PDB file of N, CA and C in Angstrom:
ATOM      1  N   MET A   1      16.202 -21.395   9.156  1.00  0.00           N
ATOM      2  CA  MET A   1      16.077 -21.803   8.108  1.00  0.00           C
ATOM      3  C   MET A   1      17.235 -22.783   7.700  1.00  0.00           C
ATOM      4  N   SER A   2      17.061 -23.984   7.916  1.00  0.00           N
ATOM      5  CA  SER A   2      18.191 -24.875   7.664  1.00  0.00           C
ATOM      6  C   SER A   2      18.729 -25.085   6.102  1.00  0.00           C
ATOM      7  N   GLN A   3      17.351 -25.481   5.431  1.00  0.00           N
ATOM      8  CA  GLN A   3      17.506 -25.425   4.058  1.00  0.00           C
ATOM      9  C   GLN A   3      16.886 -24.374   3.483  1.00  0.00           C
ATOM     10  N   PRO A   4      17.463 -23.977   2.226  1.00  0.00           N
ATOM     11  CA  PRO A   4      16.997 -22.794   1.266  1.00  0.00           C
ATOM     12  C   PRO A   4      15.538 -23.439   0.957  1.00  0.00           C
ATOM     13  N   LEU A   5      14.669 -22.213   1.061  1.00  0.00           N
ATOM     14  CA  LEU A   5      13.202 -22.390   0.827  1.00  0.00           C
ATOM     15  C   LEU A   5      13.129 -22.195  -0.916  1.00  0.00           C
ATOM     16  N   THR A   6      12.687 -23.040  -1.514  1.00  0.00           N
ATOM     17  CA  THR A   6      12.623 -22.962  -3.164  1.00  0.00           C
ATOM     18  C   THR A   6      10.938 -22.325  -3.290  1.00  0.00           C
ATOM     19  N   PRO A   7      11.060 -21.712  -4.746  1.00  0.00           N
ATOM     20  CA  PRO A   7       9.599 -21.473  -4.885  1.00  0.00           C
ATOM     21  C   PRO A   7       8.572 -22.212  -4.818  1.00  0.00           C
ATOM     22  N   ALA A   8       8.787 -23.448  -4.855  1.00  0.00           N
ATOM     23  CA  ALA A   8       7.862 -24.560  -4.516  1.00  0.00           C
ATOM     24  C   ALA A   8       7.345 -24.472  -3.189  1.00  0.00           C
ATOM     25  N   LYS A   9       8.471 -24.620  -2.379  1.00  0.00           N
ATOM     26  CA  LYS A   9       8.020 -24.849  -0.697  1.00  0.00           C
ATOM     27  C   LYS A   9       7.512 -23.469  -0.377  1.00  0.00           C
ATOM     28  N   LEU A  10       7.847 -22.447  -0.872  1.00  0.00           N
ATOM     29  CA  LEU A  10       7.466 -21.027  -0.631  1.00  0.00           C
ATOM     30  C   LEU A  10       5.816 -21.192  -0.737  1.00  0.00           C
ATOM     31  N   SER A  11       5.666 -21.693  -2.012  1.00  0.00           N
ATOM     32  CA  SER A  11       3.981 -21.736  -2.348  1.00  0.00           C
ATOM     33  C   SER A  11       3.189 -22.703  -1.722  1.00  0.00           C
ATOM     34  N   SER A  12       4.017 -23.718  -1.291  1.00  0.00           N
ATOM     35  CA  SER A  12       3.217 -24.577  -0.492  1.00  0.00           C
ATOM     36  C   SER A  12       2.959 -24.029   1.136  1.00  0.00           C
ATOM     37  N   LEU A  13       3.830 -23.158   1.726  1.00  0.00           N
ATOM     38  CA  LEU A  13       3.777 -22.517   2.686  1.00  0.00           C
ATOM     39  C   LEU A  13       2.659 -21.418   2.704  1.00  0.00           C
ATOM     40  N   ALA A  14       2.731 -20.704   1.643  1.00  0.00           N
ATOM     41  CA  ALA A  14       1.652 -19.707   1.199  1.00  0.00           C
ATOM     42  C   ALA A  14      -0.066 -20.308   1.045  1.00  0.00           C
ATOM     43  N   THR A  15       0.005 -21.286   0.731  1.00  0.00           N
ATOM     44  CA  THR A  15      -1.302 -22.236   0.713  1.00  0.00           C
ATOM     45  C   THR A  15      -1.591 -22.677   1.820  1.00  0.00           C
ATOM     46  N   SER A  16      -0.638 -23.289   2.713  1.00  0.00           N
ATOM     47  CA  SER A  16      -0.987 -23.845   4.283  1.00  0.00           C
ATOM     48  C   SER A  16      -1.174 -22.474   4.934  1.00  0.00           C
ATOM     49  N   THR A  17      -0.589 -21.391   4.792  1.00  0.00           N
ATOM     50  CA  THR A  17      -1.061 -20.207   5.363  1.00  0.00           C
ATOM     51  C   THR A  17      -2.255 -19.760   5.011  1.00  0.00           C
ATOM     52  N   LEU A  18      -3.090 -19.907   3.774  1.00  0.00           N
ATOM     53  CA  LEU A  18      -4.060 -19.301   3.662  1.00  0.00           C
ATOM     54  C   LEU A  18      -5.110 -20.298   4.344  1.00  0.00           C
ATOM     55  N   SER A  19      -4.925 -21.458   4.550  1.00  0.00           N
ATOM     56  CA  SER A  19      -6.094 -22.639   4.961  1.00  0.00           C
ATOM     57  C   SER A  19      -5.831 -22.007   6.651  1.00  0.00           C
ATOM     58  N   SER A  20      -5.020 -21.490   7.228  1.00  0.00           N
ATOM     59  CA  SER A  20      -4.943 -20.982   8.409  1.00  0.00           C
ATOM     60  C   SER A  20      -5.508 -19.662   8.598  1.00  0.00           C
ATOM     61  N   ILE A  21      -5.490 -18.789   7.477  1.00  0.00           N
ATOM     62  CA  ILE A  21      -6.360 -17.551   7.452  1.00  0.00           C
ATOM     63  C   ILE A  21      -7.746 -17.813   7.251  1.00  0.00           C
ATOM     64  N   LEU A  22      -7.931 -18.938   6.678  1.00  0.00           N
ATOM     65  CA  LEU A  22      -9.540 -19.252   6.645  1.00  0.00           C
ATOM     66  C   LEU A  22     -10.288 -19.615   8.204  1.00  0.00           C
ATOM     67  N   GLU A  23      -9.276 -20.488   8.771  1.00  0.00           N
ATOM     68  CA  GLU A  23      -9.643 -20.745  10.076  1.00  0.00           C
ATOM     69  C   GLU A  23      -9.701 -19.675  11.051  1.00  0.00           C
ATOM     70  N   LEU A  24      -8.599 -18.711  10.720  1.00  0.00           N
ATOM     71  CA  LEU A  24      -8.964 -17.560  11.732  1.00  0.00           C
ATOM     72  C   LEU A  24     -10.042 -16.572  11.367  1.00  0.00           C
ATOM     73  N   THR A  25     -10.572 -16.442  10.092  1.00  0.00           N
ATOM     74  CA  THR A  25     -11.759 -15.710   9.798  1.00  0.00           C
ATOM     75  C   THR A  25     -12.913 -16.388  10.287  1.00  0.00           C
ATOM     76  N   ARG A  26     -12.835 -17.739  10.538  1.00  0.00           N
ATOM     77  CA  ARG A  26     -14.287 -18.501  11.067  1.00  0.00           C
ATOM     78  C   ARG A  26     -13.970 -18.183  12.547  1.00  0.00           C
ATOM     79  N   ALA A  27     -13.107 -18.260  13.041  1.00  0.00           N
ATOM     80  CA  ALA A  27     -12.763 -18.263  14.211  1.00  0.00           C
ATOM     81  C   ALA A  27     -13.245 -16.962  15.034  1.00  0.00           C
ATOM     82  N   HIS A  28     -12.997 -15.601  14.186  1.00  0.00           N
ATOM     83  CA  HIS A  28     -13.300 -14.376  14.346  1.00  0.00           C
ATOM     84  C   HIS A  28     -15.029 -14.345  14.058  1.00  0.00           C
ATOM     85  N   GLN A  29     -15.352 -15.010  13.275  1.00  0.00           N
ATOM     86  CA  GLN A  29     -16.841 -14.883  13.017  1.00  0.00           C
ATOM     87  C   GLN A  29     -17.745 -15.707  14.314  1.00  0.00           C
ATOM     88  N   LEU A  30     -17.082 -16.591  14.763  1.00  0.00           N
ATOM     89  CA  LEU A  30     -17.768 -17.371  15.714  1.00  0.00           C
ATOM     90  C   LEU A  30     -17.429 -16.446  17.167  1.00  0.00           C
ATOM     91  N   SER A  31     -16.542 -15.382  17.419  1.00  0.00           N
ATOM     92  CA  SER A  31     -15.666 -14.865  18.384  1.00  0.00           C
ATOM     93  C   SER A  31     -15.143 -15.985  19.286  1.00  0.00           C
ATOM     94  N   LEU A  32     -14.259 -16.840  18.923  1.00  0.00           N
ATOM     95  CA  LEU A  32     -13.310 -17.546  19.451  1.00  0.00           C
ATOM     96  C   LEU A  32     -11.789 -17.051  19.420  1.00  0.00           C
ATOM     97  N   PRO A  33     -11.347 -17.429  20.317  1.00  0.00           N
ATOM     98  CA  PRO A  33      -9.916 -17.056  20.649  1.00  0.00           C
ATOM     99  C   PRO A  33      -9.423 -17.819  19.737  1.00  0.00           C
ATOM    100  N   ALA A  34      -8.229 -17.243  18.973  1.00  0.00           N
ATOM    101  CA  ALA A  34      -7.267 -17.768  17.919  1.00  0.00           C
ATOM    102  C   ALA A  34      -5.968 -17.344  18.097  1.00  0.00           C
ATOM    103  N   THR A  35      -5.404 -17.265  19.275  1.00  0.00           N
ATOM    104  CA  THR A  35      -4.168 -16.838  19.515  1.00  0.00           C
ATOM    105  C   THR A  35      -2.841 -17.479  18.584  1.00  0.00           C
ATOM    106  N   GLN A  36      -3.293 -18.866  18.974  1.00  0.00           N
ATOM    107  CA  GLN A  36      -1.977 -19.904  18.246  1.00  0.00           C
ATOM    108  C   GLN A  36      -2.074 -19.439  16.553  1.00  0.00           C
ATOM    109  N   LEU A  37      -3.152 -19.687  16.170  1.00  0.00           N
ATOM    110  CA  LEU A  37      -3.532 -19.516  14.584  1.00  0.00           C
ATOM    111  C   LEU A  37      -2.705 -17.951  14.081  1.00  0.00           C
ATOM    112  N   THR A  38      -2.837 -16.913  14.926  1.00  0.00           N
ATOM    113  CA  THR A  38      -2.411 -15.604  14.629  1.00  0.00           C
ATOM    114  C   THR A  38      -1.000 -15.407  14.510  1.00  0.00           C
ATOM    115  N   ILE A  39      -0.161 -16.315  15.588  1.00  0.00           N
ATOM    116  CA  ILE A  39       1.231 -16.441  15.808  1.00  0.00           C
ATOM    117  C   ILE A  39       1.552 -17.418  14.574  1.00  0.00           C
ATOM    118  N   THR A  40       0.942 -18.325  13.883  1.00  0.00           N
ATOM    119  CA  THR A  40       1.544 -18.956  12.962  1.00  0.00           C
ATOM    120  C   THR A  40       1.138 -18.222  11.752  1.00  0.00           C
ATOM    121  N   ILE A  41       0.047 -17.822  11.577  1.00  0.00           N
ATOM    122  CA  ILE A  41       0.055 -16.756  10.217  1.00  0.00           C
ATOM    123  C   ILE A  41       0.979 -15.779  10.405  1.00  0.00           C
ATOM    124  N   SER A  42       1.462 -14.943  11.385  1.00  0.00           N
ATOM    125  CA  SER A  42       2.397 -13.971  11.277  1.00  0.00           C
ATOM    126  C   SER A  42       3.902 -14.511  11.007  1.00  0.00           C
ATOM    127  N   ARG A  43       4.225 -15.609  11.838  1.00  0.00           N
ATOM    128  CA  ARG A  43       5.264 -16.280  11.570  1.00  0.00           C
ATOM    129  C   ARG A  43       5.402 -16.708  10.025  1.00  0.00           C
ATOM    130  N   ASN A  44       4.388 -17.358   9.382  1.00  0.00           N
ATOM    131  CA  ASN A  44       4.801 -17.560   7.997  1.00  0.00           C
ATOM    132  C   ASN A  44       4.852 -16.543   7.130  1.00  0.00           C
ATOM    133  N   LEU A  45       4.101 -15.308   7.334  1.00  0.00           N
ATOM    134  CA  LEU A  45       4.219 -14.291   6.590  1.00  0.00           C
ATOM    135  C   LEU A  45       5.525 -13.765   6.577  1.00  0.00           C
ATOM    136  N   THR A  46       6.246 -13.624   7.668  1.00  0.00           N
ATOM    137  CA  THR A  46       7.457 -13.196   8.093  1.00  0.00           C
ATOM    138  C   THR A  46       8.623 -14.259   7.283  1.00  0.00           C
ATOM    139  N   THR A  47       8.282 -15.378   7.186  1.00  0.00           N
ATOM    140  CA  THR A  47       9.212 -16.357   6.604  1.00  0.00           C
ATOM    141  C   THR A  47       8.980 -16.093   5.170  1.00  0.00           C
ATOM    142  N   LEU A  48       7.726 -16.199   4.596  1.00  0.00           N
ATOM    143  CA  LEU A  48       7.501 -15.539   3.163  1.00  0.00           C
ATOM    144  C   LEU A  48       8.148 -14.399   2.667  1.00  0.00           C
ATOM    145  N   ASN A  49       8.178 -13.622   3.467  1.00  0.00           N
ATOM    146  CA  ASN A  49       8.563 -11.970   3.291  1.00  0.00           C
ATOM    147  C   ASN A  49      10.276 -12.199   3.166  1.00  0.00           C
ATOM    148  N   THR A  50      10.502 -12.587   4.203  1.00  0.00           N
ATOM    149  CA  THR A  50      12.124 -12.663   4.156  1.00  0.00           C
ATOM    150  C   THR A  50      12.838 -13.640   3.111  1.00  0.00           C
ATOM    151  N   ALA A  51      12.096 -14.850   2.856  1.00  0.00           N
ATOM    152  CA  ALA A  51      12.408 -15.569   1.421  1.00  0.00           C
ATOM    153  C   ALA A  51      12.325 -14.852   0.009  1.00  0.00           C
ATOM    154  N   ILE A  52      11.073 -14.078  -0.190  1.00  0.00           N
ATOM    155  CA  ILE A  52      11.113 -13.314  -1.103  1.00  0.00           C
ATOM    156  C   ILE A  52      12.126 -12.322  -1.445  1.00  0.00           C
ATOM    157  N   THR A  53      12.408 -11.704  -0.352  1.00  0.00           N
ATOM    158  CA  THR A  53      13.592 -10.518  -0.320  1.00  0.00           C
ATOM    159  C   THR A  53      14.942 -11.347  -0.709  1.00  0.00           C
ATOM    160  N   ALA A  54      15.059 -12.208   0.044  1.00  0.00           N
ATOM    161  CA  ALA A  54      16.447 -13.128  -0.397  1.00  0.00           C
ATOM    162  C   ALA A  54      16.426 -13.386  -2.067  1.00  0.00           C
ATOM    163  N   LEU A  55      15.312 -14.148  -2.433  1.00  0.00           N
ATOM    164  CA  LEU A  55      15.445 -14.400  -3.777  1.00  0.00           C
ATOM    165  C   LEU A  55      15.380 -13.129  -4.775  1.00  0.00           C
ATOM    166  N   HIS A  56      14.966 -12.004  -4.479  1.00  0.00           N
ATOM    167  CA  HIS A  56      15.265 -10.864  -5.187  1.00  0.00           C
ATOM    168  C   HIS A  56      16.824 -10.559  -5.051  1.00  0.00           C
ATOM    169  N   GLN A  57      17.156 -10.410  -3.983  1.00  0.00           N
ATOM    170  CA  GLN A  57      18.753 -10.200  -3.388  1.00  0.00           C
ATOM    171  C   GLN A  57      19.796 -11.200  -4.404  1.00  0.00           C
ATOM    172  N   GLN A  58      19.283 -12.397  -4.725  1.00  0.00           N
ATOM    173  CA  GLN A  58      19.647 -13.137  -5.419  1.00  0.00           C
ATOM    174  C   GLN A  58      19.744 -13.228  -6.930  1.00  0.00           C
ATOM    175  N   GLY A  59      19.032 -12.240  -7.332  1.00  0.00           N
ATOM    176  CA  GLY A  59      18.647 -12.038  -8.804  1.00  0.00           C
ATOM    177  C   GLY A  59      17.677 -12.801  -9.388  1.00  0.00           C
ATOM    178  N   GLN A  60      16.959 -13.559  -8.605  1.00  0.00           N
ATOM    179  CA  GLN A  60      16.253 -14.650  -9.382  1.00  0.00           C
ATOM    180  C   GLN A  60      14.592 -13.917  -9.421  1.00  0.00           C
ATOM    181  N   HIS A  61      14.677 -13.200 -10.477  1.00  0.00           N
ATOM    182  CA  HIS A  61      13.523 -12.365 -10.915  1.00  0.00           C
ATOM    183  C   HIS A  61      12.788 -13.102 -11.875  1.00  0.00           C
ATOM    184  N   THR A  62      11.936 -14.374 -11.303  1.00  0.00           N
ATOM    185  CA  THR A  62      11.084 -15.442 -12.266  1.00  0.00           C
ATOM    186  C   THR A  62       9.790 -14.927 -12.030  1.00  0.00           C
ATOM    187  N   GLU A  63       9.069 -15.755 -13.090  1.00  0.00           N
ATOM    188  CA  GLU A  63       7.802 -15.825 -12.990  1.00  0.00           C
ATOM    189  C   GLU A  63       7.048 -16.577 -11.664  1.00  0.00           C
ATOM    190  N   ALA A  64       7.849 -17.417 -11.334  1.00  0.00           N
ATOM    191  CA  ALA A  64       7.353 -18.017 -10.008  1.00  0.00           C
ATOM    192  C   ALA A  64       7.662 -16.963  -8.744  1.00  0.00           C
ATOM    193  N   LEU A  65       8.731 -16.117  -8.793  1.00  0.00           N
ATOM    194  CA  LEU A  65       9.016 -15.090  -7.945  1.00  0.00           C
ATOM    195  C   LEU A  65       7.676 -13.902  -7.875  1.00  0.00           C
ATOM    196  N   LYS A  66       7.410 -13.549  -9.135  1.00  0.00           N
ATOM    197  CA  LYS A  66       6.237 -12.615  -9.217  1.00  0.00           C
ATOM    198  C   LYS A  66       4.944 -13.552  -8.637  1.00  0.00           C
ATOM    199  N   GLY A  67       4.628 -14.673  -8.767  1.00  0.00           N
ATOM    200  CA  GLY A  67       3.513 -15.282  -8.145  1.00  0.00           C
ATOM    201  C   GLY A  67       3.634 -15.282  -6.989  1.00  0.00           C
ATOM    202  N   LEU A  68       4.426 -15.524  -6.164  1.00  0.00           N
ATOM    203  CA  LEU A  68       5.019 -15.677  -4.735  1.00  0.00           C
ATOM    204  C   LEU A  68       4.453 -14.461  -3.952  1.00  0.00           C
ATOM    205  N   GLU A  69       5.276 -13.271  -4.972  1.00  0.00           N
ATOM    206  CA  GLU A  69       4.774 -12.047  -4.430  1.00  0.00           C
ATOM    207  C   GLU A  69       3.294 -11.487  -4.279  1.00  0.00           C
ATOM    208  N   ALA A  70       2.704 -12.266  -5.392  1.00  0.00           N
ATOM    209  CA  ALA A  70       1.194 -11.846  -5.579  1.00  0.00           C
ATOM    210  C   ALA A  70       0.482 -12.712  -4.498  1.00  0.00           C
ATOM    211  N   GLN A  71       0.871 -13.827  -4.094  1.00  0.00           N
ATOM    212  CA  GLN A  71       0.476 -14.653  -3.031  1.00  0.00           C
ATOM    213  C   GLN A  71       0.641 -14.065  -1.772  1.00  0.00           C
ATOM    214  N   TYR A  72       1.588 -13.423  -1.618  1.00  0.00           N
ATOM    215  CA  TYR A  72       1.970 -12.755  -0.525  1.00  0.00           C
ATOM    216  C   TYR A  72       1.081 -11.703  -0.130  1.00  0.00           C
ATOM    217  N   ASP A  73       0.808 -10.630  -1.334  1.00  0.00           N
ATOM    218  CA  ASP A  73      -0.031  -9.728  -0.955  1.00  0.00           C
ATOM    219  C   ASP A  73      -1.193 -10.025  -0.579  1.00  0.00           C
ATOM    220  N   ARG A  74      -1.931 -11.085  -1.314  1.00  0.00           N
ATOM    221  CA  ARG A  74      -3.222 -11.417  -1.233  1.00  0.00           C
ATOM    222  C   ARG A  74      -3.415 -11.811   0.238  1.00  0.00           C
ATOM    223  N   LEU A  75      -2.470 -12.642   0.510  1.00  0.00           N
ATOM    224  CA  LEU A  75      -2.728 -13.026   2.134  1.00  0.00           C
ATOM    225  C   LEU A  75      -2.655 -12.086   3.017  1.00  0.00           C
ATOM    226  N   VAL A  76      -1.606 -10.895   2.680  1.00  0.00           N
ATOM    227  CA  VAL A  76      -1.528  -9.625   3.647  1.00  0.00           C
ATOM    228  C   VAL A  76      -3.274  -8.959   3.713  1.00  0.00           C
ATOM    229  N   ASN A  77      -3.529  -8.636   2.302  1.00  0.00           N
ATOM    230  CA  ASN A  77      -4.716  -8.095   2.621  1.00  0.00           C
ATOM    231  C   ASN A  77      -5.847  -8.890   3.304  1.00  0.00           C
ATOM    232  N   LEU A  78      -5.986 -10.232   3.304  1.00  0.00           N
ATOM    233  CA  LEU A  78      -6.918 -11.083   3.874  1.00  0.00           C
ATOM    234  C   LEU A  78      -6.769 -11.232   5.390  1.00  0.00           C
ATOM    235  N   VAL A  79      -5.589 -10.922   5.893  1.00  0.00           N
ATOM    236  CA  VAL A  79      -5.282 -10.695   7.446  1.00  0.00           C
ATOM    237  C   VAL A  79      -5.475  -9.579   8.036  1.00  0.00           C
ATOM    238  N   SER A  80      -5.082  -8.498   7.313  1.00  0.00           N
ATOM    239  CA  SER A  80      -5.049  -6.938   7.724  1.00  0.00           C
ATOM    240  C   SER A  80      -6.368  -6.749   8.488  1.00  0.00           C
ATOM    241  N   PRO A  81      -7.759  -7.158   8.052  1.00  0.00           N
ATOM    242  CA  PRO A  81      -8.739  -6.686   8.691  1.00  0.00           C
ATOM    243  C   PRO A  81      -8.732  -7.742  10.030  1.00  0.00           C
ATOM    244  N   LEU A  82      -7.975  -8.735  10.095  1.00  0.00           N
ATOM    245  CA  LEU A  82      -8.353  -9.720  11.283  1.00  0.00           C
ATOM    246  C   LEU A  82      -7.077  -9.286  12.431  1.00  0.00           C
ATOM    247  N   GLY A  83      -6.686  -8.211  11.981  1.00  0.00           N
ATOM    248  CA  GLY A  83      -5.613  -7.552  13.057  1.00  0.00           C
ATOM    249  C   GLY A  83      -4.077  -8.289  13.117  1.00  0.00           C
ATOM    250  N   VAL A  84      -3.801  -9.178  12.245  1.00  0.00           N
ATOM    251  CA  VAL A  84      -2.695  -9.802  11.912  1.00  0.00           C
ATOM    252  C   VAL A  84      -1.642  -8.988  11.397  1.00  0.00           C
ATOM    253  N   GLU A  85      -0.625  -8.850  12.224  1.00  0.00           N
ATOM    254  CA  GLU A  85       0.410  -7.821  11.189  1.00  0.00           C
ATOM    255  C   GLU A  85       1.510  -8.566  10.392  1.00  0.00           C
ATOM    256  N   ALA A  86       1.640  -8.145   9.356  1.00  0.00           N
ATOM    257  CA  ALA A  86       2.651  -8.640   8.523  1.00  0.00           C
ATOM    258  C   ALA A  86       3.506  -7.758   7.948  1.00  0.00           C
ATOM    259  N   PRO A  87       4.765  -8.085   7.616  1.00  0.00           N
ATOM    260  CA  PRO A  87       5.983  -6.897   7.314  1.00  0.00           C
ATOM    261  C   PRO A  87       5.409  -6.826   5.808  1.00  0.00           C
ATOM    262  N   PRO A  88       5.559  -5.439   5.772  1.00  0.00           N
ATOM    263  CA  PRO A  88       5.512  -5.011   4.335  1.00  0.00           C
ATOM    264  C   PRO A  88       6.761  -5.478   3.595  1.00  0.00           C
ATOM    265  N   ARG A  89       6.673  -5.828   2.126  1.00  0.00           N
ATOM    266  CA  ARG A  89       7.571  -6.283   1.324  1.00  0.00           C
ATOM    267  C   ARG A  89       8.271  -4.801   0.825  1.00  0.00           C
ATOM    268  N   PRO A  90       9.826  -5.034   1.159  1.00  0.00           N
ATOM    269  CA  PRO A  90      10.406  -3.782   0.631  1.00  0.00           C
ATOM    270  C   PRO A  90      10.381  -3.670  -1.094  1.00  0.00           C
ATOM    271  N   LYS A  91      10.620  -2.239  -1.132  1.00  0.00           N
ATOM    272  CA  LYS A  91      10.682  -1.719  -2.557  1.00  0.00           C
ATOM    273  C   LYS A  91      11.883  -2.373  -2.870  1.00  0.00           C
ATOM    274  N   GLN A  92      11.638  -3.007  -4.052  1.00  0.00           N
ATOM    275  CA  GLN A  92      12.898  -3.708  -4.588  1.00  0.00           C
ATOM    276  C   GLN A  92      13.935  -2.490  -5.205  1.00  0.00           C
ATOM    277  N   GLN A  93      14.822  -2.321  -5.024  1.00  0.00           N
ATOM    278  CA  GLN A  93      16.108  -1.408  -5.488  1.00  0.00           C
ATOM    279  C   GLN A  93      16.362  -1.853  -7.088  1.00  0.00           C
ATOM    280  N   GLY A  94      16.878  -0.776  -7.486  1.00  0.00           N
ATOM    281  CA  GLY A  94      17.325  -1.171  -9.288  1.00  0.00           C
ATOM    282  C   GLY A  94      16.365  -0.999 -10.035  1.00  0.00           C
ATOM    283  N   ARG A  95      14.835  -1.056  -9.981  1.00  0.00           N
ATOM    284  CA  ARG A  95      13.937  -1.342 -10.818  1.00  0.00           C
ATOM    285  C   ARG A  95      12.976   0.203 -10.590  1.00  0.00           C
ATOM    286  N   THR A  96      13.151   0.651 -11.722  1.00  0.00           N
ATOM    287  CA  THR A  96      12.524   2.404 -11.280  1.00  0.00           C
ATOM    288  C   THR A  96      11.656   2.524 -12.788  1.00  0.00           C
ATOM    289  N   GLY A  97      10.526   3.265 -12.328  1.00  0.00           N
ATOM    290  CA  GLY A  97       9.522   3.515 -13.655  1.00  0.00           C
ATOM    291  C   GLY A  97      10.138   4.966 -13.873  1.00  0.00           C
ATOM    292  N   ARG A  98       9.980   5.559 -15.330  1.00  0.00           N
ATOM    293  CA  ARG A  98      10.483   6.634 -15.735  1.00  0.00           C
ATOM    294  C   ARG A  98       9.387   6.841 -17.108  1.00  0.00           C
ATOM    295  N   LEU A  99       9.569   7.996 -17.267  1.00  0.00           N
ATOM    296  CA  LEU A  99       8.593   8.776 -18.464  1.00  0.00           C
ATOM    297  C   LEU A  99       9.577   8.826 -19.575  1.00  0.00           C
ATOM    298  N   VAL A 100       9.041   8.572 -20.702  1.00  0.00           N
ATOM    299  CA  VAL A 100       9.683   8.641 -21.792  1.00  0.00           C
ATOM    300  C   VAL A 100       9.090   9.724 -22.728  1.00  0.00           C
ATOM    301  N   ASP A 101       9.808  10.312 -23.627  1.00  0.00           N
ATOM    302  CA  ASP A 101       8.989  11.239 -24.840  1.00  0.00           C
ATOM    303  C   ASP A 101       9.037  10.052 -25.973  1.00  0.00           C
ATOM    304  N   THR A 102       7.488   9.957 -26.386  1.00  0.00           N
ATOM    305  CA  THR A 102       7.339   9.001 -27.774  1.00  0.00           C
ATOM    306  C   THR A 102       7.632   9.797 -29.048  1.00  0.00           C
ATOM    307  N   GLY A 103       7.791  11.122 -29.006  1.00  0.00           N
ATOM    308  CA  GLY A 103       8.122  11.630 -30.315  1.00  0.00           C
ATOM    309  C   GLY A 103       7.043  12.231 -30.901  1.00  0.00           C
ATOM    310  N   ASN A 104       5.912  12.117 -30.231  1.00  0.00           N
ATOM    311  CA  ASN A 104       4.360  12.726 -31.156  1.00  0.00           C
ATOM    312  C   ASN A 104       4.268  13.946 -30.528  1.00  0.00           C
ATOM    313  N   ASP A 105       4.282  14.904 -31.368  1.00  0.00           N
ATOM    314  CA  ASP A 105       4.277  16.335 -30.900  1.00  0.00           C
ATOM    315  C   ASP A 105       2.717  16.598 -30.825  1.00  0.00           C
ATOM    316  N   ASP A 106       1.589  15.919 -31.328  1.00  0.00           N
ATOM    317  CA  ASP A 106       0.389  16.389 -31.377  1.00  0.00           C
ATOM    318  C   ASP A 106      -0.041  16.184 -30.189  1.00  0.00           C
ATOM    319  N   GLU A 107       0.051  15.260 -29.303  1.00  0.00           N
ATOM    320  CA  GLU A 107      -0.656  14.663 -28.055  1.00  0.00           C
ATOM    321  C   GLU A 107       0.489  14.472 -26.803  1.00  0.00           C
ATOM    322  N   ASP A 108      -0.249  14.280 -25.669  1.00  0.00           N
ATOM    323  CA  ASP A 108       0.465  14.115 -24.642  1.00  0.00           C
ATOM    324  C   ASP A 108       1.376  13.027 -24.841  1.00  0.00           C
ATOM    325  N   ASP A 109       2.518  12.931 -24.910  1.00  0.00           N
ATOM    326  CA  ASP A 109       3.402  11.963 -25.762  1.00  0.00           C
ATOM    327  C   ASP A 109       4.318  11.174 -24.590  1.00  0.00           C
ATOM    328  N   LEU A 110       4.136  11.329 -23.137  1.00  0.00           N
ATOM    329  CA  LEU A 110       4.997  10.939 -22.365  1.00  0.00           C
ATOM    330  C   LEU A 110       4.488   9.510 -21.805  1.00  0.00           C
ATOM    331  N   VAL A 111       5.049   8.635 -21.846  1.00  0.00           N
ATOM    332  CA  VAL A 111       4.489   7.075 -21.297  1.00  0.00           C
ATOM    333  C   VAL A 111       5.553   6.850 -20.212  1.00  0.00           C
ATOM    334  N   ALA A 112       4.910   5.747 -19.357  1.00  0.00           N
ATOM    335  CA  ALA A 112       5.566   5.455 -18.270  1.00  0.00           C
ATOM    336  C   ALA A 112       6.122   4.063 -18.687  1.00  0.00           C
ATOM    337  N   VAL A 113       7.205   3.783 -18.328  1.00  0.00           N
ATOM    338  CA  VAL A 113       7.935   2.541 -18.632  1.00  0.00           C
ATOM    339  C   VAL A 113       8.672   1.946 -17.652  1.00  0.00           C
ATOM    340  N   ASP A 114       8.753   0.847 -17.350  1.00  0.00           N
ATOM    341  CA  ASP A 114       9.471   0.097 -16.258  1.00  0.00           C
ATOM    342  C   ASP A 114      11.008  -0.396 -16.886  1.00  0.00           C
ATOM    343  N   GLY A 115      11.828  -0.144 -16.098  1.00  0.00           N
ATOM    344  CA  GLY A 115      13.279  -0.375 -16.757  1.00  0.00           C
ATOM    345  C   GLY A 115      14.221  -0.445 -15.404  1.00  0.00           C
ATOM    346  N   GLU A 116      15.334  -1.383 -15.882  1.00  0.00           N
ATOM    347  CA  GLU A 116      16.541  -1.184 -14.883  1.00  0.00           C
ATOM    348  C   GLU A 116      16.855   0.132 -14.710  1.00  0.00           C
ATOM    349  N   GLY A 117      17.555   0.377 -13.622  1.00  0.00           N
ATOM    350  CA  GLY A 117      18.003   1.947 -13.495  1.00  0.00           C
ATOM    351  C   GLY A 117      19.044   1.957 -12.222  1.00  0.00           C
TER     352      GLY A 117
END
């Protein structure tokens, strides 16, 4: 990657990948070979995953990044049944869920919270 991929460029790549996935789905329905589509989709998913991870490491925890993560997860769910391998998104370090006591003695008063840890 010669230039850093911005969230806007990554969103465009995700949209393009979705179009390729739709083509691949149709090819599978018609029992047509689609090796090049599979390679392109796999490469795009790897690029998206790498860029999302890089944005996390740069501390860019924005709504745009959350949207990209959701797009990536949807794309992976679409291609998994088609046999396209996609790298899983790594768990983000530094973010933990924990249970806290709410102080209410009458009920089960532990609630899950998301926090920096």
